[in-house]
């Protein structure tokens, strides 16, 4: 699973060397608990993680911004996610966040 740590005021998830579907579920669960304007940072080795994040998080409630990294920097990919509106999953069920994983 993703290793979640807190660096200063921001929570970070390190997806390097993890099982991505489980890590994405962990991020989706964390996102539901976040307050508006809170941010998290995601580290990864695969540019496709951004596409996966966009498919499991509600587009109307989140912004996903890449963070510049140099070619020699580790982690290779970084994204900052910010919750911009409240998000409450459908209480009667509905599409699972796992549908795209």
C-alpha atoms as a PDB file:
ATOM      1  CA  UNK A   1       0.000   0.000   0.000  1.00  0.00           C
ATOM      2  CA  UNK A   2       0.986   3.623  -0.360  1.00  0.00           C
ATOM      3  CA  UNK A   3       3.117   4.979   2.377  1.00  0.00           C
ATOM      4  CA  UNK A   4       1.358   8.037   3.808  1.00  0.00           C
ATOM      5  CA  UNK A   5       3.492  10.559   5.630  1.00  0.00           C
ATOM      6  CA  UNK A   6       3.089  14.122   6.743  1.00  0.00           C
ATOM      7  CA  UNK A   7       5.663  16.611   5.506  1.00  0.00           C
ATOM      8  CA  UNK A   8       4.942  19.869   7.244  1.00  0.00           C
ATOM      9  CA  UNK A   9       1.269  20.726   6.893  1.00  0.00           C
ATOM     10  CA  UNK A  10       0.706  18.458   3.861  1.00  0.00           C
ATOM     11  CA  UNK A  11       0.048  14.701   3.773  1.00  0.00           C
ATOM     12  CA  UNK A  12       2.059  12.787   1.156  1.00  0.00           C
ATOM     13  CA  UNK A  13       1.496   9.399  -0.480  1.00  0.00           C
ATOM     14  CA  UNK A  14       4.469   7.559  -1.941  1.00  0.00           C
ATOM     15  CA  UNK A  15       3.287   5.178  -4.670  1.00  0.00           C
ATOM     16  CA  UNK A  16       6.762   4.051  -5.698  1.00  0.00           C
ATOM     17  CA  UNK A  17       7.166   0.303  -5.203  1.00  0.00           C
ATOM     18  CA  UNK A  18       3.513  -0.195  -4.224  1.00  0.00           C
ATOM     19  CA  UNK A  19       0.550  -2.121  -5.541  1.00  0.00           C
ATOM     20  CA  UNK A  20      -1.144   0.755  -7.348  1.00  0.00           C
ATOM     21  CA  UNK A  21      -4.843  -0.331  -7.142  1.00  0.00           C
ATOM     22  CA  UNK A  22      -4.662  -0.609  -3.346  1.00  0.00           C
ATOM     23  CA  UNK A  23      -2.784   2.666  -3.088  1.00  0.00           C
ATOM     24  CA  UNK A  24      -5.377   4.460  -5.235  1.00  0.00           C
ATOM     25  CA  UNK A  25      -8.148   3.136  -3.005  1.00  0.00           C
ATOM     26  CA  UNK A  26      -6.269   4.432   0.026  1.00  0.00           C
ATOM     27  CA  UNK A  27      -5.950   7.874  -1.624  1.00  0.00           C
ATOM     28  CA  UNK A  28      -9.659   7.908  -2.582  1.00  0.00           C
ATOM     29  CA  UNK A  29     -10.625   7.083   1.006  1.00  0.00           C
ATOM     30  CA  UNK A  30      -8.319   9.789   2.343  1.00  0.00           C
ATOM     31  CA  UNK A  31      -9.734  12.287  -0.169  1.00  0.00           C
ATOM     32  CA  UNK A  32     -13.267  11.714   1.148  1.00  0.00           C
ATOM     33  CA  UNK A  33     -12.078  12.690   4.645  1.00  0.00           C
ATOM     34  CA  UNK A  34     -10.271  15.839   3.520  1.00  0.00           C
ATOM     35  CA  UNK A  35     -11.665  19.318   4.091  1.00  0.00           C
ATOM     36  CA  UNK A  36     -12.062  21.868   1.300  1.00  0.00           C
ATOM     37  CA  UNK A  37      -8.721  23.566   0.469  1.00  0.00           C
ATOM     38  CA  UNK A  38      -6.656  20.739   1.989  1.00  0.00           C
ATOM     39  CA  UNK A  39      -3.927  19.320  -0.232  1.00  0.00           C
ATOM     40  CA  UNK A  40      -2.005  16.081  -0.525  1.00  0.00           C
ATOM     41  CA  UNK A  41       1.063  15.273  -2.572  1.00  0.00           C
ATOM     42  CA  UNK A  42       1.529  12.040  -4.523  1.00  0.00           C
ATOM     43  CA  UNK A  43       4.916  10.593  -5.536  1.00  0.00           C
ATOM     44  CA  UNK A  44       5.213   7.972  -8.246  1.00  0.00           C
ATOM     45  CA  UNK A  45       7.354   6.342 -10.908  1.00  0.00           C
ATOM     46  CA  UNK A  46       4.629   6.157 -13.577  1.00  0.00           C
ATOM     47  CA  UNK A  47       3.073   9.110 -15.414  1.00  0.00           C
ATOM     48  CA  UNK A  48      -0.132   7.042 -15.799  1.00  0.00           C
ATOM     49  CA  UNK A  49      -0.927   7.526 -12.115  1.00  0.00           C
ATOM     50  CA  UNK A  50      -2.341  10.984 -12.937  1.00  0.00           C
ATOM     51  CA  UNK A  51      -4.818   9.376 -15.367  1.00  0.00           C
ATOM     52  CA  UNK A  52      -5.799   6.836 -12.711  1.00  0.00           C
ATOM     53  CA  UNK A  53      -6.328   9.582 -10.121  1.00  0.00           C
ATOM     54  CA  UNK A  54      -8.566  11.486 -12.540  1.00  0.00           C
ATOM     55  CA  UNK A  55     -10.659   8.367 -13.109  1.00  0.00           C
ATOM     56  CA  UNK A  56     -11.321   7.665  -9.418  1.00  0.00           C
ATOM     57  CA  UNK A  57     -11.645  11.170  -7.968  1.00  0.00           C
ATOM     58  CA  UNK A  58     -14.580  13.472  -8.757  1.00  0.00           C
ATOM     59  CA  UNK A  59     -13.417  16.070 -11.291  1.00  0.00           C
ATOM     60  CA  UNK A  60     -15.708  18.711  -9.798  1.00  0.00           C
ATOM     61  CA  UNK A  61     -14.144  18.332  -6.344  1.00  0.00           C
ATOM     62  CA  UNK A  62     -10.410  18.114  -7.046  1.00  0.00           C
ATOM     63  CA  UNK A  63      -7.580  19.791  -8.908  1.00  0.00           C
ATOM     64  CA  UNK A  64      -4.600  17.642  -9.864  1.00  0.00           C
ATOM     65  CA  UNK A  65      -1.450  19.601 -10.673  1.00  0.00           C
ATOM     66  CA  UNK A  66       1.907  18.160 -11.665  1.00  0.00           C
ATOM     67  CA  UNK A  67       4.866  19.372  -9.613  1.00  0.00           C
ATOM     68  CA  UNK A  68       7.996  20.130 -11.620  1.00  0.00           C
ATOM     69  CA  UNK A  69      10.815  17.646 -11.131  1.00  0.00           C
ATOM     70  CA  UNK A  70      14.124  17.468 -12.921  1.00  0.00           C
ATOM     71  CA  UNK A  71      15.047  14.325 -14.863  1.00  0.00           C
ATOM     72  CA  UNK A  72      17.535  13.328 -12.140  1.00  0.00           C
ATOM     73  CA  UNK A  73      15.225  14.003  -9.217  1.00  0.00           C
ATOM     74  CA  UNK A  74      13.508  11.259  -7.244  1.00  0.00           C
ATOM     75  CA  UNK A  75      10.596  10.741  -7.244  1.00  0.00           C
ATOM     76  CA  UNK A  76      10.276  11.044 -10.978  1.00  0.00           C
ATOM     77  CA  UNK A  77       6.633  12.174 -10.888  1.00  0.00           C
ATOM     78  CA  UNK A  78       4.860  14.307  -8.303  1.00  0.00           C
ATOM     79  CA  UNK A  79       1.319  15.646  -8.213  1.00  0.00           C
ATOM     80  CA  UNK A  80      -0.469  17.915  -5.802  1.00  0.00           C
ATOM     81  CA  UNK A  81      -4.174  17.246  -5.222  1.00  0.00           C
ATOM     82  CA  UNK A  82      -6.384  19.943  -3.737  1.00  0.00           C
ATOM     83  CA  UNK A  83      -9.962  19.431  -2.634  1.00  0.00           C
ATOM     84  CA  UNK A  84     -11.931  22.362  -4.044  1.00  0.00           C
ATOM     85  CA  UNK A  85     -15.521  21.478  -3.126  1.00  0.00           C
ATOM     86  CA  UNK A  86     -17.192  19.110  -0.664  1.00  0.00           C
ATOM     87  CA  UNK A  87     -17.641  15.621  -2.021  1.00  0.00           C
ATOM     88  CA  UNK A  88     -19.997  13.039  -0.650  1.00  0.00           C
ATOM     89  CA  UNK A  89     -20.343   9.699  -2.370  1.00  0.00           C
ATOM     90  CA  UNK A  90     -23.820   8.570  -3.318  1.00  0.00           C
ATOM     91  CA  UNK A  91     -25.278   7.128  -0.058  1.00  0.00           C
ATOM     92  CA  UNK A  92     -27.467   4.715  -2.045  1.00  0.00           C
ATOM     93  CA  UNK A  93     -24.470   3.118  -3.691  1.00  0.00           C
ATOM     94  CA  UNK A  94     -23.541   3.598  -7.284  1.00  0.00           C
ATOM     95  CA  UNK A  95     -20.374   3.420  -9.250  1.00  0.00           C
ATOM     96  CA  UNK A  96     -17.410   2.168  -7.306  1.00  0.00           C
ATOM     97  CA  UNK A  97     -14.074   3.934  -7.353  1.00  0.00           C
ATOM     98  CA  UNK A  98     -12.642   0.527  -8.213  1.00  0.00           C
ATOM     99  CA  UNK A  99     -14.380   0.399 -11.605  1.00  0.00           C
ATOM    100  CA  UNK A 100     -11.378   1.890 -13.369  1.00  0.00           C
ATOM    101  CA  UNK A 101      -8.670   0.104 -11.449  1.00  0.00           C
END
